Amino acid sequence: MKNSKILIVEDEVNLRETWELMLLHFGFSVHIAANGLEAVKIIDQHPIDIIISDIQMPVKDGYFILEHIKSNNLDILTWICSGQLSPTSTLAEYNIDKILIKPFNMLSAVQELISIITSDDANKT
C-alpha cells in the first residue's frame, strides 16, 4: 500500500488538500494537480498507479486525462468524481474503475481504496 503512487486531480483547493492529507495519513505517495493539463504532465513524468480525478475543471478537464490514459494504453486504476455523469456510457468508453458521485464520504472512499490495494497485494504473493 505504501508504494502506491496516487495522483489527485481536483480544481477545488480545499477538496484537493483534504484528499492529499488523508492519503498521506494512510501512507500513500501523493501527487496533486489542479487540472487535466497539469495531471498529464505528472503522468508523463512519474509512474502513477491510481488517479482520482474530478471531471469538470478549468484549462483541461477530466476527459482530457481519460483520453491520455486510453490513447497511451496506460494501466492506471482510475476513479472519477462528479455530480453530473452518465455512469454507463462513461465507464464503457474509458474503462473507469469507479465513479464517486458528489457528495461522497471521503473516508469511506479511502478505506475502499485501501481494501482494493491490499487485496491486489495479497493476490500478487
N, C-alpha and C. Protein backbone atom coordinates (compact mmCIF):
# COMPACT_ATOMS: atom_id res chain seq x y z
N MET A 1 0.82 -1.20 0.00
CA MET A 1 0.00 0.00 0.00
C MET A 1 0.85 1.26 0.00
N LYS A 2 1.89 1.29 0.80
CA LYS A 2 2.70 2.49 0.90
C LYS A 2 3.44 2.80 -0.40
N ASN A 3 3.60 1.81 -1.25
CA ASN A 3 4.29 2.03 -2.52
C ASN A 3 3.37 2.54 -3.61
N SER A 4 2.06 2.54 -3.39
CA SER A 4 1.12 3.01 -4.40
C SER A 4 1.25 4.51 -4.57
N LYS A 5 1.39 4.92 -5.83
CA LYS A 5 1.52 6.34 -6.16
C LYS A 5 0.19 6.84 -6.70
N ILE A 6 -0.39 7.82 -6.00
CA ILE A 6 -1.72 8.32 -6.33
C ILE A 6 -1.62 9.75 -6.83
N LEU A 7 -2.37 10.02 -7.90
CA LEU A 7 -2.49 11.37 -8.43
C LEU A 7 -3.90 11.86 -8.16
N ILE A 8 -4.01 12.97 -7.43
CA ILE A 8 -5.29 13.61 -7.16
C ILE A 8 -5.41 14.81 -8.10
N VAL A 9 -6.49 14.84 -8.87
CA VAL A 9 -6.71 15.94 -9.81
C VAL A 9 -8.03 16.60 -9.45
N GLU A 10 -7.95 17.80 -8.92
CA GLU A 10 -9.14 18.49 -8.42
C GLU A 10 -8.88 19.99 -8.45
N ASP A 11 -9.78 20.75 -9.05
CA ASP A 11 -9.59 22.20 -9.12
C ASP A 11 -9.98 22.92 -7.84
N GLU A 12 -10.83 22.31 -7.02
CA GLU A 12 -11.23 22.92 -5.76
C GLU A 12 -10.13 22.68 -4.71
N VAL A 13 -9.49 23.76 -4.28
CA VAL A 13 -8.32 23.68 -3.41
C VAL A 13 -8.60 22.89 -2.13
N ASN A 14 -9.70 23.21 -1.44
CA ASN A 14 -9.98 22.54 -0.16
C ASN A 14 -10.17 21.03 -0.34
N LEU A 15 -10.86 20.63 -1.37
CA LEU A 15 -11.08 19.21 -1.62
C LEU A 15 -9.76 18.52 -2.00
N ARG A 16 -8.97 19.18 -2.83
CA ARG A 16 -7.66 18.62 -3.23
C ARG A 16 -6.76 18.44 -2.01
N GLU A 17 -6.71 19.43 -1.15
CA GLU A 17 -5.87 19.35 0.05
C GLU A 17 -6.38 18.29 1.03
N THR A 18 -7.69 18.15 1.14
CA THR A 18 -8.26 17.13 2.03
C THR A 18 -7.89 15.73 1.54
N TRP A 19 -8.05 15.49 0.22
CA TRP A 19 -7.62 14.21 -0.35
C TRP A 19 -6.15 13.95 -0.03
N GLU A 20 -5.33 14.96 -0.28
CA GLU A 20 -3.88 14.80 -0.09
C GLU A 20 -3.55 14.46 1.36
N LEU A 21 -4.10 15.21 2.30
CA LEU A 21 -3.81 14.96 3.72
C LEU A 21 -4.28 13.58 4.16
N MET A 22 -5.48 13.19 3.72
CA MET A 22 -6.00 11.90 4.12
C MET A 22 -5.15 10.76 3.54
N LEU A 23 -4.79 10.85 2.28
CA LEU A 23 -3.99 9.80 1.65
C LEU A 23 -2.57 9.74 2.22
N LEU A 24 -1.99 10.89 2.51
CA LEU A 24 -0.67 10.91 3.15
C LEU A 24 -0.74 10.26 4.54
N HIS A 25 -1.84 10.54 5.25
CA HIS A 25 -2.04 9.96 6.58
C HIS A 25 -2.02 8.43 6.53
N PHE A 26 -2.57 7.86 5.44
CA PHE A 26 -2.61 6.41 5.30
C PHE A 26 -1.37 5.85 4.61
N GLY A 27 -0.37 6.70 4.39
CA GLY A 27 0.92 6.21 3.89
C GLY A 27 1.11 6.16 2.39
N PHE A 28 0.21 6.79 1.64
CA PHE A 28 0.37 6.79 0.19
C PHE A 28 1.35 7.86 -0.27
N SER A 29 1.96 7.65 -1.41
CA SER A 29 2.74 8.67 -2.10
C SER A 29 1.75 9.44 -2.97
N VAL A 30 1.69 10.76 -2.81
CA VAL A 30 0.65 11.55 -3.46
C VAL A 30 1.23 12.66 -4.32
N HIS A 31 0.68 12.77 -5.53
CA HIS A 31 0.92 13.91 -6.41
C HIS A 31 -0.41 14.63 -6.53
N ILE A 32 -0.37 15.94 -6.73
CA ILE A 32 -1.62 16.68 -6.90
C ILE A 32 -1.53 17.56 -8.14
N ALA A 33 -2.71 17.77 -8.75
CA ALA A 33 -2.82 18.65 -9.91
C ALA A 33 -4.15 19.38 -9.83
N ALA A 34 -4.19 20.58 -10.37
CA ALA A 34 -5.40 21.39 -10.31
C ALA A 34 -6.26 21.27 -11.57
N ASN A 35 -5.72 20.62 -12.61
CA ASN A 35 -6.48 20.46 -13.85
C ASN A 35 -5.87 19.34 -14.69
N GLY A 36 -6.53 19.01 -15.78
CA GLY A 36 -6.09 17.91 -16.63
C GLY A 36 -4.73 18.11 -17.27
N LEU A 37 -4.40 19.33 -17.63
CA LEU A 37 -3.10 19.60 -18.25
C LEU A 37 -1.97 19.31 -17.27
N GLU A 38 -2.10 19.80 -16.04
CA GLU A 38 -1.10 19.51 -15.00
C GLU A 38 -1.02 18.00 -14.75
N ALA A 39 -2.16 17.34 -14.74
CA ALA A 39 -2.19 15.90 -14.47
C ALA A 39 -1.44 15.11 -15.53
N VAL A 40 -1.66 15.43 -16.79
CA VAL A 40 -0.99 14.71 -17.88
C VAL A 40 0.52 14.91 -17.81
N LYS A 41 0.96 16.10 -17.45
CA LYS A 41 2.40 16.34 -17.28
C LYS A 41 2.97 15.45 -16.18
N ILE A 42 2.24 15.31 -15.08
CA ILE A 42 2.69 14.45 -13.98
C ILE A 42 2.71 12.99 -14.43
N ILE A 43 1.66 12.55 -15.11
CA ILE A 43 1.58 11.17 -15.60
C ILE A 43 2.77 10.86 -16.51
N ASP A 44 3.14 11.81 -17.34
CA ASP A 44 4.24 11.60 -18.28
C ASP A 44 5.61 11.62 -17.60
N GLN A 45 5.69 12.20 -16.40
CA GLN A 45 6.97 12.32 -15.71
C GLN A 45 7.16 11.34 -14.55
N HIS A 46 6.07 10.80 -14.02
CA HIS A 46 6.13 9.94 -12.84
C HIS A 46 5.28 8.69 -13.03
N PRO A 47 5.72 7.57 -12.48
CA PRO A 47 4.85 6.38 -12.52
C PRO A 47 3.67 6.62 -11.57
N ILE A 48 2.47 6.45 -12.09
CA ILE A 48 1.25 6.64 -11.30
C ILE A 48 0.47 5.32 -11.31
N ASP A 49 0.05 4.88 -10.13
CA ASP A 49 -0.73 3.66 -10.02
C ASP A 49 -2.23 3.93 -10.00
N ILE A 50 -2.60 5.05 -9.40
CA ILE A 50 -4.02 5.36 -9.18
C ILE A 50 -4.26 6.83 -9.45
N ILE A 51 -5.35 7.13 -10.15
CA ILE A 51 -5.77 8.52 -10.36
C ILE A 51 -7.16 8.67 -9.77
N ILE A 52 -7.32 9.74 -9.00
CA ILE A 52 -8.64 10.14 -8.51
C ILE A 52 -8.83 11.54 -9.07
N SER A 53 -9.78 11.69 -9.99
CA SER A 53 -9.91 12.95 -10.70
C SER A 53 -11.33 13.46 -10.76
N ASP A 54 -11.45 14.76 -10.64
CA ASP A 54 -12.69 15.45 -10.94
C ASP A 54 -12.86 15.41 -12.46
N ILE A 55 -14.06 15.62 -12.95
CA ILE A 55 -14.29 15.67 -14.39
C ILE A 55 -14.32 17.11 -14.88
N GLN A 56 -15.09 17.96 -14.23
CA GLN A 56 -15.22 19.34 -14.69
C GLN A 56 -14.19 20.22 -14.00
N MET A 57 -13.22 20.69 -14.82
CA MET A 57 -12.14 21.55 -14.31
C MET A 57 -11.77 22.56 -15.39
N PRO A 58 -11.17 23.67 -14.99
CA PRO A 58 -10.71 24.63 -15.99
C PRO A 58 -9.45 24.12 -16.70
N VAL A 59 -9.05 24.79 -17.73
CA VAL A 59 -7.87 24.51 -18.55
C VAL A 59 -8.09 23.24 -19.37
N LYS A 60 -7.96 22.08 -18.77
CA LYS A 60 -8.28 20.79 -19.40
C LYS A 60 -9.04 19.97 -18.37
N ASP A 61 -10.11 19.33 -18.81
CA ASP A 61 -10.97 18.60 -17.88
C ASP A 61 -10.53 17.15 -17.68
N GLY A 62 -11.33 16.42 -16.92
CA GLY A 62 -11.02 15.03 -16.63
C GLY A 62 -11.05 14.15 -17.86
N TYR A 63 -11.88 14.49 -18.85
CA TYR A 63 -11.92 13.71 -20.08
C TYR A 63 -10.59 13.79 -20.83
N PHE A 64 -9.90 14.90 -20.70
CA PHE A 64 -8.57 15.05 -21.30
C PHE A 64 -7.61 14.02 -20.70
N ILE A 65 -7.70 13.82 -19.40
CA ILE A 65 -6.88 12.82 -18.72
C ILE A 65 -7.26 11.41 -19.18
N LEU A 66 -8.56 11.14 -19.22
CA LEU A 66 -9.04 9.83 -19.63
C LEU A 66 -8.61 9.50 -21.06
N GLU A 67 -8.66 10.47 -21.94
CA GLU A 67 -8.20 10.28 -23.33
C GLU A 67 -6.71 9.98 -23.36
N HIS A 68 -5.94 10.67 -22.53
CA HIS A 68 -4.49 10.45 -22.47
C HIS A 68 -4.18 9.03 -21.99
N ILE A 69 -4.87 8.59 -20.96
CA ILE A 69 -4.67 7.24 -20.44
C ILE A 69 -5.02 6.21 -21.51
N LYS A 70 -6.16 6.42 -22.16
CA LYS A 70 -6.64 5.48 -23.18
C LYS A 70 -5.70 5.46 -24.40
N SER A 71 -5.33 6.62 -24.90
CA SER A 71 -4.51 6.67 -26.12
C SER A 71 -3.09 6.17 -25.89
N ASN A 72 -2.62 6.23 -24.65
CA ASN A 72 -1.28 5.73 -24.33
C ASN A 72 -1.31 4.33 -23.72
N ASN A 73 -2.51 3.75 -23.66
CA ASN A 73 -2.68 2.39 -23.16
C ASN A 73 -2.04 2.20 -21.77
N LEU A 74 -2.29 3.16 -20.88
CA LEU A 74 -1.70 3.12 -19.54
C LEU A 74 -2.54 2.26 -18.60
N ASP A 75 -1.87 1.51 -17.76
CA ASP A 75 -2.53 0.66 -16.78
C ASP A 75 -2.57 1.40 -15.44
N ILE A 76 -3.60 2.22 -15.28
CA ILE A 76 -3.75 3.05 -14.09
C ILE A 76 -5.17 2.84 -13.55
N LEU A 77 -5.29 2.50 -12.27
CA LEU A 77 -6.59 2.42 -11.63
C LEU A 77 -7.18 3.83 -11.64
N THR A 78 -8.39 3.97 -12.19
CA THR A 78 -8.95 5.31 -12.40
C THR A 78 -10.29 5.47 -11.72
N TRP A 79 -10.34 6.44 -10.81
CA TRP A 79 -11.58 6.82 -10.14
C TRP A 79 -11.88 8.25 -10.55
N ILE A 80 -13.14 8.52 -10.87
CA ILE A 80 -13.51 9.89 -11.17
C ILE A 80 -14.58 10.36 -10.20
N CYS A 81 -14.58 11.66 -9.97
CA CYS A 81 -15.52 12.28 -9.04
C CYS A 81 -16.35 13.29 -9.83
N SER A 82 -17.65 13.19 -9.69
CA SER A 82 -18.50 14.14 -10.38
C SER A 82 -19.90 14.08 -9.82
N GLY A 83 -20.63 15.12 -10.04
CA GLY A 83 -22.03 15.14 -9.67
C GLY A 83 -22.91 15.06 -10.90
N GLN A 84 -22.31 15.01 -12.10
CA GLN A 84 -23.09 15.12 -13.33
C GLN A 84 -22.62 14.13 -14.40
N LEU A 85 -22.63 12.86 -14.10
CA LEU A 85 -22.17 11.87 -15.07
C LEU A 85 -23.25 10.91 -15.48
N SER A 86 -23.04 10.35 -16.65
CA SER A 86 -23.84 9.21 -17.11
C SER A 86 -22.93 8.00 -16.95
N PRO A 87 -22.99 7.30 -15.81
CA PRO A 87 -22.03 6.25 -15.49
C PRO A 87 -21.83 5.17 -16.55
N THR A 88 -22.88 4.64 -17.14
CA THR A 88 -22.69 3.51 -18.05
C THR A 88 -21.91 3.89 -19.30
N SER A 89 -22.23 5.00 -19.94
CA SER A 89 -21.51 5.36 -21.15
C SER A 89 -20.07 5.75 -20.83
N THR A 90 -19.86 6.43 -19.73
CA THR A 90 -18.50 6.83 -19.37
C THR A 90 -17.65 5.62 -19.02
N LEU A 91 -18.19 4.71 -18.26
CA LEU A 91 -17.43 3.52 -17.89
C LEU A 91 -17.06 2.70 -19.12
N ALA A 92 -17.99 2.55 -20.03
CA ALA A 92 -17.75 1.73 -21.22
C ALA A 92 -16.69 2.36 -22.13
N GLU A 93 -16.74 3.65 -22.29
CA GLU A 93 -15.82 4.32 -23.21
C GLU A 93 -14.40 4.44 -22.67
N TYR A 94 -14.25 4.67 -21.38
CA TYR A 94 -12.95 4.97 -20.81
C TYR A 94 -12.40 3.93 -19.85
N ASN A 95 -13.12 2.88 -19.56
CA ASN A 95 -12.62 1.85 -18.66
C ASN A 95 -12.30 2.41 -17.27
N ILE A 96 -13.23 3.20 -16.77
CA ILE A 96 -13.10 3.79 -15.44
C ILE A 96 -13.40 2.72 -14.40
N ASP A 97 -12.61 2.69 -13.34
CA ASP A 97 -12.79 1.67 -12.32
C ASP A 97 -13.88 2.02 -11.30
N LYS A 98 -14.07 3.31 -11.04
CA LYS A 98 -15.08 3.71 -10.06
C LYS A 98 -15.49 5.15 -10.32
N ILE A 99 -16.77 5.41 -10.10
CA ILE A 99 -17.28 6.78 -10.15
C ILE A 99 -17.76 7.14 -8.76
N LEU A 100 -17.23 8.22 -8.24
CA LEU A 100 -17.66 8.75 -6.94
C LEU A 100 -18.61 9.91 -7.24
N ILE A 101 -19.87 9.74 -6.90
CA ILE A 101 -20.86 10.78 -7.15
C ILE A 101 -20.84 11.76 -5.98
N LYS A 102 -20.63 13.03 -6.29
CA LYS A 102 -20.61 14.07 -5.26
C LYS A 102 -22.01 14.35 -4.77
N PRO A 103 -22.19 14.58 -3.48
CA PRO A 103 -21.18 14.47 -2.43
C PRO A 103 -20.97 13.01 -2.02
N PHE A 104 -19.76 12.69 -1.64
CA PHE A 104 -19.44 11.34 -1.21
C PHE A 104 -18.65 11.41 0.09
N ASN A 105 -18.56 10.28 0.78
CA ASN A 105 -17.82 10.20 2.03
C ASN A 105 -16.37 9.86 1.70
N MET A 106 -15.48 10.81 1.88
CA MET A 106 -14.08 10.62 1.51
C MET A 106 -13.41 9.51 2.32
N LEU A 107 -13.69 9.43 3.61
CA LEU A 107 -13.08 8.39 4.43
C LEU A 107 -13.49 7.00 3.91
N SER A 108 -14.75 6.84 3.58
CA SER A 108 -15.21 5.56 3.02
C SER A 108 -14.51 5.25 1.71
N ALA A 109 -14.32 6.27 0.87
CA ALA A 109 -13.63 6.09 -0.41
C ALA A 109 -12.19 5.65 -0.19
N VAL A 110 -11.51 6.28 0.75
CA VAL A 110 -10.12 5.93 1.04
C VAL A 110 -10.05 4.51 1.61
N GLN A 111 -10.97 4.16 2.49
CA GLN A 111 -11.00 2.80 3.04
C GLN A 111 -11.22 1.77 1.93
N GLU A 112 -12.08 2.08 0.97
CA GLU A 112 -12.31 1.17 -0.16
C GLU A 112 -11.04 1.04 -1.00
N LEU A 113 -10.36 2.15 -1.21
CA LEU A 113 -9.12 2.14 -1.98
C LEU A 113 -8.07 1.28 -1.27
N ILE A 114 -7.94 1.42 0.03
CA ILE A 114 -7.01 0.61 0.81
C ILE A 114 -7.37 -0.87 0.68
N SER A 115 -8.64 -1.17 0.73
CA SER A 115 -9.10 -2.56 0.60
C SER A 115 -8.73 -3.13 -0.78
N ILE A 116 -8.90 -2.35 -1.82
CA ILE A 116 -8.56 -2.79 -3.18
C ILE A 116 -7.06 -3.04 -3.30
N ILE A 117 -6.27 -2.11 -2.79
CA ILE A 117 -4.82 -2.24 -2.89
C ILE A 117 -4.33 -3.42 -2.07
N THR A 118 -4.87 -3.57 -0.87
CA THR A 118 -4.48 -4.69 -0.01
C THR A 118 -4.83 -6.02 -0.67
N SER A 119 -6.01 -6.08 -1.29
CA SER A 119 -6.44 -7.29 -1.99
C SER A 119 -5.53 -7.58 -3.19
N ASP A 120 -5.18 -6.53 -3.95
CA ASP A 120 -4.26 -6.70 -5.09
C ASP A 120 -2.90 -7.18 -4.63
N ASP A 121 -2.41 -6.61 -3.52
CA ASP A 121 -1.11 -7.01 -2.98
C ASP A 121 -1.14 -8.48 -2.56
N ALA A 122 -2.23 -8.92 -1.94
CA ALA A 122 -2.35 -10.31 -1.50
C ALA A 122 -2.41 -11.26 -2.68
N ASN A 123 -3.02 -10.84 -3.77
CA ASN A 123 -3.13 -11.68 -4.97
C ASN A 123 -1.78 -11.83 -5.69
N LYS A 124 -0.86 -10.89 -5.46
CA LYS A 124 0.45 -10.94 -6.12
C LYS A 124 1.40 -11.91 -5.44
N THR A 125 1.12 -12.27 -4.20
CA THR A 125 2.04 -13.16 -3.48
C THR A 125 1.60 -14.60 -3.54
